[in-house]
Amino acid sequence: MSVSSQSKARPYGEHLPATQPDVVVELLSQPRYLSGARDLVAAIAKRFGFDDSACGQLALAVDEALCNVIRHGYNRRPDGRIWLSIWPFSSDSEEDAGGIRIAIEDMAAQVDPEKIKGRELDDVRPGGLGVYIIRQVMDKVVYEKRSQGGMRLVMIKQVKSSKS
């Protein structure tokens, strides 16, 4: 396997640290693995200072993102690969308590990131709120095409300071 000079500089993508993630989980595109991914994210977030409510919100955002990959990226195909990577980070200042960076990557069909939009809440119907929920829960959300195929979603959430 060869590595391009561009991937050496930022092996995990433009919106990710150049360091390896603290945690990487590879799972198949099957709904049966969603609860384990939710539990993992919530447990790690708790250890890094998020309160119970924020842990639940992070788990929900990850669940929605994984469901979107399974449903839309892989069209419910059960043999697709999904990578969940987690980088907890520390604060650089006293006002900021740190946070967590989560990437979800796949080898599914690529789409234009500009076309990934949540629907309006006044459009009342079942489903279709995953992107909206992700954007409401997370502080930063970036969808991008991976150079080797598939998509990458990067989500960042900062721990709310106890001074807030």
N, C-alpha and C. Protein backbone atom coordinates (compact mmCIF):
# COMPACT_ATOMS: atom_id res chain seq x y z
N MET A 1 0.85 -1.17 0.00
CA MET A 1 0.00 0.00 0.00
C MET A 1 0.89 1.23 0.00
N SER A 2 0.66 2.14 -0.92
CA SER A 2 1.47 3.35 -0.97
C SER A 2 0.73 4.49 -0.29
N VAL A 3 1.50 5.45 0.20
CA VAL A 3 0.93 6.60 0.87
C VAL A 3 1.40 7.84 0.13
N SER A 4 0.46 8.68 -0.26
CA SER A 4 0.83 9.90 -0.98
C SER A 4 1.41 10.92 -0.02
N SER A 5 2.13 11.92 -0.54
CA SER A 5 2.71 12.94 0.31
C SER A 5 1.62 13.77 0.98
N GLN A 6 0.48 13.94 0.32
CA GLN A 6 -0.62 14.68 0.92
C GLN A 6 -1.16 13.93 2.13
N SER A 7 -1.30 12.62 2.05
CA SER A 7 -1.84 11.88 3.18
C SER A 7 -0.83 11.76 4.30
N LYS A 8 0.47 11.92 4.00
CA LYS A 8 1.47 11.92 5.08
C LYS A 8 1.31 13.17 5.93
N ALA A 9 0.99 14.29 5.30
CA ALA A 9 0.84 15.53 6.04
C ALA A 9 -0.40 15.51 6.92
N ARG A 10 -1.50 15.05 6.43
CA ARG A 10 -2.77 14.99 7.15
C ARG A 10 -3.39 13.62 6.91
N PRO A 11 -2.87 12.57 7.52
CA PRO A 11 -3.33 11.23 7.20
C PRO A 11 -4.80 10.98 7.55
N TYR A 12 -5.37 11.80 8.44
CA TYR A 12 -6.75 11.57 8.85
C TYR A 12 -7.71 12.60 8.29
N GLY A 13 -7.25 13.40 7.33
CA GLY A 13 -8.13 14.36 6.69
C GLY A 13 -7.86 15.79 7.15
N GLU A 14 -8.33 16.71 6.35
CA GLU A 14 -8.08 18.13 6.57
C GLU A 14 -8.61 18.62 7.92
N HIS A 15 -9.73 18.10 8.37
CA HIS A 15 -10.38 18.58 9.59
C HIS A 15 -10.07 17.73 10.81
N LEU A 16 -9.04 16.90 10.70
CA LEU A 16 -8.67 16.03 11.81
C LEU A 16 -7.23 16.25 12.20
N PRO A 17 -6.88 15.91 13.44
CA PRO A 17 -5.49 16.05 13.87
C PRO A 17 -4.57 15.15 13.06
N ALA A 18 -3.30 15.50 13.01
CA ALA A 18 -2.33 14.67 12.30
C ALA A 18 -1.95 13.43 13.12
N THR A 19 -2.41 13.37 14.35
CA THR A 19 -2.11 12.23 15.22
C THR A 19 -3.15 11.13 15.05
N GLN A 20 -2.77 9.93 15.43
CA GLN A 20 -3.71 8.82 15.39
C GLN A 20 -4.81 9.05 16.42
N PRO A 21 -6.02 8.58 16.13
CA PRO A 21 -7.10 8.72 17.11
C PRO A 21 -6.81 7.88 18.35
N ASP A 22 -7.39 8.29 19.48
CA ASP A 22 -7.27 7.51 20.72
C ASP A 22 -8.02 6.19 20.60
N VAL A 23 -9.15 6.22 19.89
CA VAL A 23 -10.00 5.04 19.74
C VAL A 23 -10.44 4.94 18.28
N VAL A 24 -10.36 3.74 17.72
CA VAL A 24 -10.89 3.47 16.38
C VAL A 24 -11.68 2.17 16.44
N VAL A 25 -12.90 2.22 15.95
CA VAL A 25 -13.74 1.03 15.88
C VAL A 25 -14.18 0.86 14.44
N GLU A 26 -14.05 -0.35 13.92
CA GLU A 26 -14.53 -0.67 12.58
C GLU A 26 -15.75 -1.55 12.75
N LEU A 27 -16.85 -1.16 12.10
CA LEU A 27 -18.06 -1.97 12.22
C LEU A 27 -18.71 -2.14 10.85
N LEU A 28 -19.50 -3.17 10.76
CA LEU A 28 -20.27 -3.40 9.54
C LEU A 28 -21.50 -2.51 9.53
N SER A 29 -22.02 -2.24 8.37
CA SER A 29 -23.18 -1.37 8.20
C SER A 29 -24.47 -2.11 8.56
N GLN A 30 -24.54 -2.50 9.83
CA GLN A 30 -25.70 -3.23 10.34
C GLN A 30 -26.22 -2.54 11.60
N PRO A 31 -27.52 -2.29 11.68
CA PRO A 31 -28.09 -1.60 12.84
C PRO A 31 -27.80 -2.28 14.18
N ARG A 32 -27.54 -3.56 14.19
CA ARG A 32 -27.30 -4.27 15.45
C ARG A 32 -26.08 -3.73 16.20
N TYR A 33 -25.19 -3.00 15.53
CA TYR A 33 -23.99 -2.47 16.18
C TYR A 33 -24.16 -1.04 16.69
N LEU A 34 -25.30 -0.43 16.43
CA LEU A 34 -25.50 0.97 16.81
C LEU A 34 -25.47 1.18 18.32
N SER A 35 -26.09 0.29 19.07
CA SER A 35 -26.14 0.49 20.53
C SER A 35 -24.74 0.44 21.14
N GLY A 36 -23.90 -0.43 20.63
CA GLY A 36 -22.52 -0.50 21.13
C GLY A 36 -21.75 0.77 20.83
N ALA A 37 -21.96 1.33 19.64
CA ALA A 37 -21.29 2.59 19.28
C ALA A 37 -21.79 3.72 20.17
N ARG A 38 -23.09 3.78 20.41
CA ARG A 38 -23.65 4.82 21.30
C ARG A 38 -23.06 4.70 22.70
N ASP A 39 -23.05 3.48 23.23
CA ASP A 39 -22.53 3.27 24.58
C ASP A 39 -21.06 3.66 24.68
N LEU A 40 -20.27 3.30 23.68
CA LEU A 40 -18.85 3.62 23.67
C LEU A 40 -18.63 5.13 23.69
N VAL A 41 -19.31 5.84 22.81
CA VAL A 41 -19.15 7.29 22.72
C VAL A 41 -19.57 7.95 24.03
N ALA A 42 -20.70 7.55 24.58
CA ALA A 42 -21.18 8.14 25.83
C ALA A 42 -20.21 7.88 26.97
N ALA A 43 -19.67 6.67 27.06
CA ALA A 43 -18.73 6.33 28.13
C ALA A 43 -17.44 7.13 28.02
N ILE A 44 -16.92 7.27 26.82
CA ILE A 44 -15.69 8.05 26.64
C ILE A 44 -15.95 9.52 26.95
N ALA A 45 -17.06 10.05 26.47
CA ALA A 45 -17.39 11.45 26.73
C ALA A 45 -17.50 11.71 28.24
N LYS A 46 -18.11 10.80 28.96
CA LYS A 46 -18.26 10.93 30.41
C LYS A 46 -16.89 11.01 31.09
N ARG A 47 -15.96 10.18 30.65
CA ARG A 47 -14.61 10.16 31.23
C ARG A 47 -13.84 11.45 30.94
N PHE A 48 -14.26 12.18 29.92
CA PHE A 48 -13.56 13.41 29.57
C PHE A 48 -14.34 14.66 29.96
N GLY A 49 -15.27 14.52 30.90
CA GLY A 49 -15.88 15.69 31.52
C GLY A 49 -17.24 16.13 31.04
N PHE A 50 -17.86 15.41 30.12
CA PHE A 50 -19.20 15.77 29.68
C PHE A 50 -20.22 15.32 30.71
N ASP A 51 -21.26 16.11 30.93
CA ASP A 51 -22.31 15.70 31.86
C ASP A 51 -23.22 14.67 31.18
N ASP A 52 -24.13 14.09 31.95
CA ASP A 52 -24.98 13.01 31.42
C ASP A 52 -25.80 13.45 30.22
N SER A 53 -26.32 14.67 30.26
CA SER A 53 -27.12 15.17 29.15
C SER A 53 -26.28 15.28 27.88
N ALA A 54 -25.09 15.85 27.99
CA ALA A 54 -24.21 16.00 26.82
C ALA A 54 -23.77 14.63 26.30
N CYS A 55 -23.52 13.68 27.20
CA CYS A 55 -23.15 12.32 26.76
C CYS A 55 -24.27 11.70 25.93
N GLY A 56 -25.50 11.88 26.38
CA GLY A 56 -26.64 11.37 25.62
C GLY A 56 -26.78 12.04 24.27
N GLN A 57 -26.53 13.34 24.22
CA GLN A 57 -26.61 14.08 22.96
C GLN A 57 -25.52 13.63 21.99
N LEU A 58 -24.31 13.44 22.50
CA LEU A 58 -23.21 12.94 21.65
C LEU A 58 -23.55 11.56 21.09
N ALA A 59 -24.06 10.69 21.95
CA ALA A 59 -24.43 9.34 21.51
C ALA A 59 -25.53 9.41 20.44
N LEU A 60 -26.49 10.31 20.61
CA LEU A 60 -27.56 10.49 19.63
C LEU A 60 -27.01 10.97 18.29
N ALA A 61 -26.10 11.95 18.32
CA ALA A 61 -25.51 12.46 17.08
C ALA A 61 -24.77 11.35 16.34
N VAL A 62 -24.01 10.55 17.06
CA VAL A 62 -23.27 9.44 16.43
C VAL A 62 -24.25 8.41 15.87
N ASP A 63 -25.29 8.11 16.62
CA ASP A 63 -26.30 7.15 16.16
C ASP A 63 -26.95 7.64 14.87
N GLU A 64 -27.34 8.90 14.83
CA GLU A 64 -27.96 9.46 13.62
C GLU A 64 -27.00 9.40 12.43
N ALA A 65 -25.73 9.74 12.67
CA ALA A 65 -24.74 9.72 11.59
C ALA A 65 -24.54 8.30 11.07
N LEU A 66 -24.42 7.33 11.97
CA LEU A 66 -24.24 5.94 11.55
C LEU A 66 -25.47 5.43 10.80
N CYS A 67 -26.65 5.79 11.29
CA CYS A 67 -27.88 5.40 10.58
C CYS A 67 -27.91 5.97 9.17
N ASN A 68 -27.46 7.21 9.02
CA ASN A 68 -27.43 7.82 7.68
C ASN A 68 -26.46 7.09 6.75
N VAL A 69 -25.31 6.68 7.27
CA VAL A 69 -24.36 5.92 6.45
C VAL A 69 -24.99 4.60 6.03
N ILE A 70 -25.61 3.90 6.98
CA ILE A 70 -26.22 2.60 6.68
C ILE A 70 -27.35 2.76 5.67
N ARG A 71 -28.24 3.72 5.92
CA ARG A 71 -29.44 3.88 5.09
C ARG A 71 -29.14 4.52 3.74
N HIS A 72 -28.41 5.62 3.75
CA HIS A 72 -28.22 6.39 2.51
C HIS A 72 -26.92 6.07 1.80
N GLY A 73 -25.84 5.90 2.56
CA GLY A 73 -24.54 5.62 1.95
C GLY A 73 -24.47 4.22 1.37
N TYR A 74 -24.83 3.26 2.20
CA TYR A 74 -24.75 1.86 1.77
C TYR A 74 -26.10 1.29 1.32
N ASN A 75 -27.14 2.11 1.29
CA ASN A 75 -28.47 1.64 0.88
C ASN A 75 -28.88 0.36 1.61
N ARG A 76 -28.61 0.33 2.91
CA ARG A 76 -28.94 -0.79 3.81
C ARG A 76 -28.17 -2.08 3.50
N ARG A 77 -27.13 -1.98 2.68
CA ARG A 77 -26.29 -3.14 2.41
C ARG A 77 -25.58 -3.53 3.71
N PRO A 78 -25.63 -4.77 4.15
CA PRO A 78 -25.10 -5.14 5.47
C PRO A 78 -23.59 -5.40 5.52
N ASP A 79 -22.89 -5.30 4.38
CA ASP A 79 -21.47 -5.64 4.38
C ASP A 79 -20.55 -4.43 4.20
N GLY A 80 -21.11 -3.22 4.31
CA GLY A 80 -20.28 -2.02 4.20
C GLY A 80 -19.46 -1.80 5.46
N ARG A 81 -18.31 -1.17 5.31
CA ARG A 81 -17.42 -0.90 6.44
C ARG A 81 -17.59 0.56 6.88
N ILE A 82 -17.63 0.75 8.20
CA ILE A 82 -17.72 2.08 8.79
C ILE A 82 -16.65 2.17 9.87
N TRP A 83 -15.93 3.31 9.88
CA TRP A 83 -14.90 3.52 10.90
C TRP A 83 -15.32 4.68 11.78
N LEU A 84 -15.33 4.44 13.08
CA LEU A 84 -15.64 5.45 14.09
C LEU A 84 -14.34 5.75 14.83
N SER A 85 -13.86 6.99 14.73
CA SER A 85 -12.60 7.39 15.37
C SER A 85 -12.88 8.51 16.36
N ILE A 86 -12.17 8.47 17.50
CA ILE A 86 -12.42 9.43 18.57
C ILE A 86 -11.09 10.02 19.05
N TRP A 87 -11.06 11.35 19.10
CA TRP A 87 -9.92 12.10 19.62
C TRP A 87 -10.41 13.00 20.74
N PRO A 88 -10.36 12.59 22.01
CA PRO A 88 -10.64 13.57 23.08
C PRO A 88 -9.51 14.60 23.07
N PHE A 89 -9.81 15.83 23.44
CA PHE A 89 -8.74 16.83 23.47
C PHE A 89 -8.85 17.67 24.73
N SER A 90 -7.69 18.17 25.15
CA SER A 90 -7.60 19.00 26.35
C SER A 90 -7.73 20.46 25.96
N SER A 91 -7.97 21.26 26.97
CA SER A 91 -8.10 22.69 26.78
C SER A 91 -6.75 23.36 26.61
N ASP A 92 -6.74 24.43 25.83
CA ASP A 92 -5.56 25.27 25.71
C ASP A 92 -5.68 26.51 26.58
N SER A 93 -6.85 26.68 27.21
CA SER A 93 -7.07 27.86 28.04
C SER A 93 -7.91 27.50 29.26
N GLU A 94 -7.95 28.40 30.23
CA GLU A 94 -8.72 28.15 31.45
C GLU A 94 -10.22 28.26 31.20
N GLU A 95 -10.63 29.00 30.16
CA GLU A 95 -12.06 29.17 29.87
C GLU A 95 -12.66 27.95 29.18
N ASP A 96 -11.83 27.14 28.59
CA ASP A 96 -12.27 26.00 27.79
C ASP A 96 -11.88 24.71 28.51
N ALA A 97 -12.83 23.81 28.66
CA ALA A 97 -12.57 22.57 29.39
C ALA A 97 -12.17 21.40 28.49
N GLY A 98 -11.94 21.64 27.21
CA GLY A 98 -11.58 20.56 26.29
C GLY A 98 -12.81 20.05 25.56
N GLY A 99 -12.69 18.85 25.02
CA GLY A 99 -13.82 18.32 24.26
C GLY A 99 -13.49 17.02 23.58
N ILE A 100 -14.26 16.74 22.53
CA ILE A 100 -14.11 15.48 21.81
C ILE A 100 -14.31 15.72 20.32
N ARG A 101 -13.49 15.05 19.53
CA ARG A 101 -13.60 15.10 18.07
C ARG A 101 -13.91 13.68 17.63
N ILE A 102 -14.95 13.54 16.82
CA ILE A 102 -15.40 12.23 16.35
C ILE A 102 -15.45 12.25 14.83
N ALA A 103 -14.89 11.22 14.22
CA ALA A 103 -14.97 11.08 12.76
C ALA A 103 -15.67 9.77 12.44
N ILE A 104 -16.57 9.83 11.49
CA ILE A 104 -17.24 8.64 10.97
C ILE A 104 -16.90 8.59 9.49
N GLU A 105 -16.27 7.49 9.07
CA GLU A 105 -15.83 7.34 7.69
C GLU A 105 -16.39 6.07 7.09
N ASP A 106 -16.56 6.09 5.78
CA ASP A 106 -17.09 4.92 5.09
C ASP A 106 -16.50 4.84 3.69
N MET A 107 -16.83 3.78 3.00
CA MET A 107 -16.46 3.61 1.59
C MET A 107 -17.72 3.56 0.73
N ALA A 108 -18.76 4.19 1.21
CA ALA A 108 -20.04 4.21 0.50
C ALA A 108 -20.00 5.24 -0.63
N ALA A 109 -21.13 5.40 -1.28
CA ALA A 109 -21.23 6.34 -2.39
C ALA A 109 -20.90 7.75 -1.91
N GLN A 110 -20.15 8.49 -2.71
CA GLN A 110 -19.83 9.87 -2.39
C GLN A 110 -20.97 10.79 -2.83
N VAL A 111 -21.18 11.82 -2.04
CA VAL A 111 -22.18 12.84 -2.37
C VAL A 111 -21.53 14.21 -2.18
N ASP A 112 -22.09 15.19 -2.81
CA ASP A 112 -21.59 16.55 -2.66
C ASP A 112 -21.91 17.00 -1.23
N PRO A 113 -20.89 17.33 -0.43
CA PRO A 113 -21.14 17.75 0.96
C PRO A 113 -22.09 18.94 1.07
N GLU A 114 -22.11 19.81 0.07
CA GLU A 114 -23.00 20.98 0.09
C GLU A 114 -24.48 20.57 0.00
N LYS A 115 -24.73 19.37 -0.48
CA LYS A 115 -26.12 18.90 -0.64
C LYS A 115 -26.63 18.16 0.59
N ILE A 116 -25.79 18.00 1.61
CA ILE A 116 -26.20 17.31 2.84
C ILE A 116 -26.82 18.37 3.75
N LYS A 117 -28.11 18.40 3.75
CA LYS A 117 -28.86 19.40 4.52
C LYS A 117 -29.93 18.71 5.36
N GLY A 118 -30.19 19.26 6.52
CA GLY A 118 -31.31 18.79 7.33
C GLY A 118 -32.59 19.42 6.81
N ARG A 119 -33.68 18.73 6.97
CA ARG A 119 -34.94 19.32 6.49
C ARG A 119 -35.48 20.28 7.54
N GLU A 120 -36.37 21.14 7.11
CA GLU A 120 -36.98 22.13 7.99
C GLU A 120 -37.91 21.43 8.99
N LEU A 121 -37.94 21.93 10.21
CA LEU A 121 -38.78 21.32 11.24
C LEU A 121 -40.27 21.47 10.96
N ASP A 122 -40.66 22.50 10.21
CA ASP A 122 -42.09 22.66 9.89
C ASP A 122 -42.55 21.68 8.81
N ASP A 123 -41.62 20.94 8.22
CA ASP A 123 -41.96 19.87 7.27
C ASP A 123 -42.22 18.62 8.10
N VAL A 124 -43.43 18.52 8.66
CA VAL A 124 -43.77 17.47 9.62
C VAL A 124 -44.03 16.15 8.89
N ARG A 125 -43.15 15.19 9.16
CA ARG A 125 -43.28 13.83 8.64
C ARG A 125 -42.27 12.96 9.38
N PRO A 126 -42.46 11.66 9.35
CA PRO A 126 -41.52 10.79 10.06
C PRO A 126 -40.13 10.79 9.41
N GLY A 127 -39.11 10.69 10.24
CA GLY A 127 -37.74 10.55 9.76
C GLY A 127 -37.17 11.81 9.15
N GLY A 128 -35.91 11.71 8.74
CA GLY A 128 -35.27 12.79 8.02
C GLY A 128 -34.69 13.90 8.88
N LEU A 129 -34.57 13.69 10.19
CA LEU A 129 -34.06 14.75 11.06
C LEU A 129 -32.62 14.51 11.51
N GLY A 130 -31.98 13.47 11.02
CA GLY A 130 -30.64 13.13 11.47
C GLY A 130 -29.63 14.25 11.31
N VAL A 131 -29.56 14.85 10.14
CA VAL A 131 -28.60 15.93 9.89
C VAL A 131 -28.93 17.13 10.76
N TYR A 132 -30.21 17.43 10.91
CA TYR A 132 -30.63 18.53 11.77
C TYR A 132 -30.17 18.29 13.21
N ILE A 133 -30.41 17.09 13.71
CA ILE A 133 -30.03 16.74 15.09
C ILE A 133 -28.51 16.85 15.27
N ILE A 134 -27.76 16.30 14.33
CA ILE A 134 -26.29 16.35 14.41
C ILE A 134 -25.82 17.80 14.49
N ARG A 135 -26.36 18.67 13.65
CA ARG A 135 -25.94 20.07 13.63
C ARG A 135 -26.36 20.81 14.90
N GLN A 136 -27.48 20.42 15.50
CA GLN A 136 -27.93 21.06 16.74
C GLN A 136 -27.07 20.63 17.94
N VAL A 137 -26.67 19.38 17.97
CA VAL A 137 -25.94 18.82 19.11
C VAL A 137 -24.47 19.24 19.10
N MET A 138 -23.83 19.21 17.95
CA MET A 138 -22.39 19.40 17.87
C MET A 138 -22.04 20.87 17.65
N ASP A 139 -20.83 21.24 18.09
CA ASP A 139 -20.34 22.61 17.90
C ASP A 139 -19.82 22.83 16.48
N LYS A 140 -19.25 21.80 15.89
CA LYS A 140 -18.74 21.90 14.52
C LYS A 140 -19.06 20.60 13.80
N VAL A 141 -19.53 20.70 12.57
CA VAL A 141 -19.88 19.54 11.76
C VAL A 141 -19.34 19.78 10.35
N VAL A 142 -18.53 18.83 9.85
CA VAL A 142 -17.97 18.95 8.51
C VAL A 142 -18.15 17.62 7.78
N TYR A 143 -18.82 17.68 6.64
CA TYR A 143 -18.92 16.52 5.76
C TYR A 143 -17.91 16.72 4.64
N GLU A 144 -17.19 15.67 4.29
CA GLU A 144 -16.23 15.78 3.19
C GLU A 144 -16.08 14.44 2.48
N LYS A 145 -15.69 14.54 1.20
CA LYS A 145 -15.37 13.33 0.44
C LYS A 145 -13.98 12.87 0.84
N ARG A 146 -13.80 11.57 0.97
CA ARG A 146 -12.48 11.01 1.24
C ARG A 146 -11.77 10.79 -0.09
N SER A 147 -10.49 11.07 -0.13
CA SER A 147 -9.75 10.91 -1.38
C SER A 147 -9.72 9.46 -1.86
N GLN A 148 -9.76 8.51 -0.94
CA GLN A 148 -9.73 7.10 -1.31
C GLN A 148 -11.12 6.52 -1.55
N GLY A 149 -12.14 7.39 -1.56
CA GLY A 149 -13.51 6.95 -1.78
C GLY A 149 -14.31 7.03 -0.49
N GLY A 150 -15.61 7.13 -0.63
CA GLY A 150 -16.47 7.23 0.53
C GLY A 150 -16.51 8.64 1.09
N MET A 151 -17.10 8.73 2.27
CA MET A 151 -17.32 10.03 2.92
C MET A 151 -16.72 10.04 4.31
N ARG A 152 -16.55 11.25 4.83
CA ARG A 152 -16.08 11.44 6.20
C ARG A 152 -16.95 12.53 6.83
N LEU A 153 -17.40 12.27 8.03
CA LEU A 153 -18.10 13.25 8.84
C LEU A 153 -17.24 13.52 10.06
N VAL A 154 -16.88 14.78 10.27
CA VAL A 154 -16.12 15.18 11.45
C VAL A 154 -17.04 16.01 12.33
N MET A 155 -17.14 15.62 13.60
CA MET A 155 -17.99 16.33 14.55
C MET A 155 -17.14 16.70 15.77
N ILE A 156 -17.28 17.93 16.22
CA ILE A 156 -16.54 18.40 17.39
C ILE A 156 -17.53 18.96 18.40
N LYS A 157 -17.31 18.58 19.66
CA LYS A 157 -18.14 19.09 20.76
C LYS A 157 -17.21 19.46 21.90
N GLN A 158 -17.38 20.67 22.42
CA GLN A 158 -16.58 21.10 23.54
C GLN A 158 -17.33 20.89 24.84
N VAL A 159 -16.60 20.55 25.89
CA VAL A 159 -17.18 20.42 27.22
C VAL A 159 -17.57 21.82 27.66
N LYS A 160 -18.75 21.97 28.20
CA LYS A 160 -19.17 23.28 28.71
C LYS A 160 -18.43 23.53 30.01
N SER A 161 -17.79 24.66 30.11
CA SER A 161 -17.04 25.04 31.30
C SER A 161 -17.96 25.19 32.50
N SER A 162 -17.47 24.81 33.66
CA SER A 162 -18.26 24.96 34.89
C SER A 162 -18.47 26.44 35.23
N LYS A 163 -17.71 27.34 34.59
CA LYS A 163 -17.85 28.77 34.80
C LYS A 163 -19.02 29.34 34.02
N SER A 164 -19.57 28.55 33.08
CA SER A 164 -20.66 29.04 32.21
C SER A 164 -21.96 29.11 32.97
